[in-house]
Amino acid sequence: MSTTLDLLKRKERGIIADFDMHNIPLKLLEMGCLPGNEVELLEVAPLGDPLYLCINDTHLSIRKELAKEILVNIETSSS
């Protein structure tokens, strides 16, 4: 199932599918925010912004506005 990164639930994982390169800061790309990489939403700040993520074992936080630009495929459990 595809969605945007800002709509992930806490502890939910997905695979980055796509985003517009012009909307994503270079620093985020350097930290591993690339299509095909796994992302997990670890925590959400008390007021809902920013989001604390783990992308390929790199922990970072991004604003919800930026997370809306990143398309992810949610991993579904087969149990």
Protein backbone atom coordinates (compact mmCIF):
# COMPACT_ATOMS: atom_id res chain seq x y z
CA MET A 1 0.00 0.00 0.00
CA SER A 2 1.37 3.43 -0.94
CA THR A 3 1.07 6.56 1.17
CA THR A 4 3.14 9.57 2.13
CA LEU A 5 5.67 9.52 4.94
CA ASP A 6 3.66 11.92 7.12
CA LEU A 7 0.79 9.39 7.29
CA LEU A 8 2.83 6.53 8.76
CA LYS A 9 1.81 5.42 12.24
CA ARG A 10 4.30 5.16 15.10
CA LYS A 11 6.57 2.09 14.69
CA GLU A 12 5.28 1.52 11.13
CA ARG A 13 7.84 0.71 8.44
CA GLY A 14 7.89 1.32 4.74
CA ILE A 15 10.14 1.56 1.72
CA ILE A 16 10.76 4.96 0.17
CA ALA A 17 9.19 4.79 -3.29
CA ASP A 18 9.51 8.25 -4.82
CA PHE A 19 9.79 11.99 -4.27
CA ASP A 20 10.49 15.15 -6.23
CA MET A 21 14.25 15.76 -6.04
CA HIS A 22 13.66 19.53 -6.15
CA ASN A 23 11.68 19.43 -2.88
CA ILE A 24 14.12 17.35 -0.81
CA PRO A 25 17.21 18.99 0.75
CA LEU A 26 20.57 17.54 -0.30
CA LYS A 27 21.47 16.83 3.36
CA LEU A 28 18.47 14.49 3.63
CA LEU A 29 19.58 12.60 0.51
CA GLU A 30 23.10 12.30 1.95
CA MET A 31 21.64 10.78 5.12
CA GLY A 32 20.00 7.96 3.15
CA CYS A 33 16.57 9.26 2.22
CA LEU A 34 16.61 7.58 -1.18
CA PRO A 35 14.14 5.40 -3.09
CA GLY A 36 14.45 1.75 -2.06
CA ASN A 37 15.61 2.49 1.48
CA GLU A 38 13.63 1.39 4.52
CA VAL A 39 12.09 4.03 6.78
CA GLU A 40 10.45 3.65 10.20
CA LEU A 41 8.52 6.30 12.09
CA LEU A 42 9.91 6.14 15.62
CA GLU A 43 8.19 9.07 17.33
CA VAL A 44 6.07 12.13 16.66
CA ALA A 45 6.61 15.34 18.62
CA PRO A 46 3.80 16.27 21.05
CA LEU A 47 2.28 18.83 18.68
CA GLY A 48 2.64 16.50 15.66
CA ASP A 49 5.71 18.11 14.15
CA PRO A 50 8.57 17.15 13.60
CA LEU A 51 8.67 13.40 12.92
CA TYR A 52 11.53 11.29 14.28
CA LEU A 53 12.59 8.64 11.75
CA CYS A 54 15.04 5.82 11.24
CA ILE A 55 16.20 5.53 7.63
CA ASN A 56 18.68 2.68 7.03
CA ASP A 57 19.93 2.86 10.65
CA THR A 58 20.26 6.66 10.54
CA HIS A 59 18.09 8.54 13.04
CA LEU A 60 16.83 11.94 11.97
CA SER A 61 13.88 14.25 12.33
CA ILE A 62 12.07 16.09 9.57
CA ARG A 63 9.17 18.49 9.39
CA LYS A 64 5.77 17.09 8.57
CA GLU A 65 5.53 19.42 5.57
CA LEU A 66 8.61 17.76 4.04
CA ALA A 67 7.36 14.26 4.94
CA LYS A 68 4.25 14.94 2.82
CA GLU A 69 6.53 15.07 -0.24
CA ILE A 70 7.92 11.53 0.24
CA LEU A 71 5.95 8.57 -1.11
CA VAL A 72 6.42 5.25 0.74
CA ASN A 73 5.19 1.70 0.24
CA ILE A 74 4.07 0.30 3.59
CA GLU A 75 5.41 -3.13 4.47
CA THR A 76 2.62 -5.52 5.37
CA SER A 77 3.20 -8.35 7.82
CA SER A 78 2.42 -11.82 6.51
CA SER A 79 1.40 -13.29 9.88
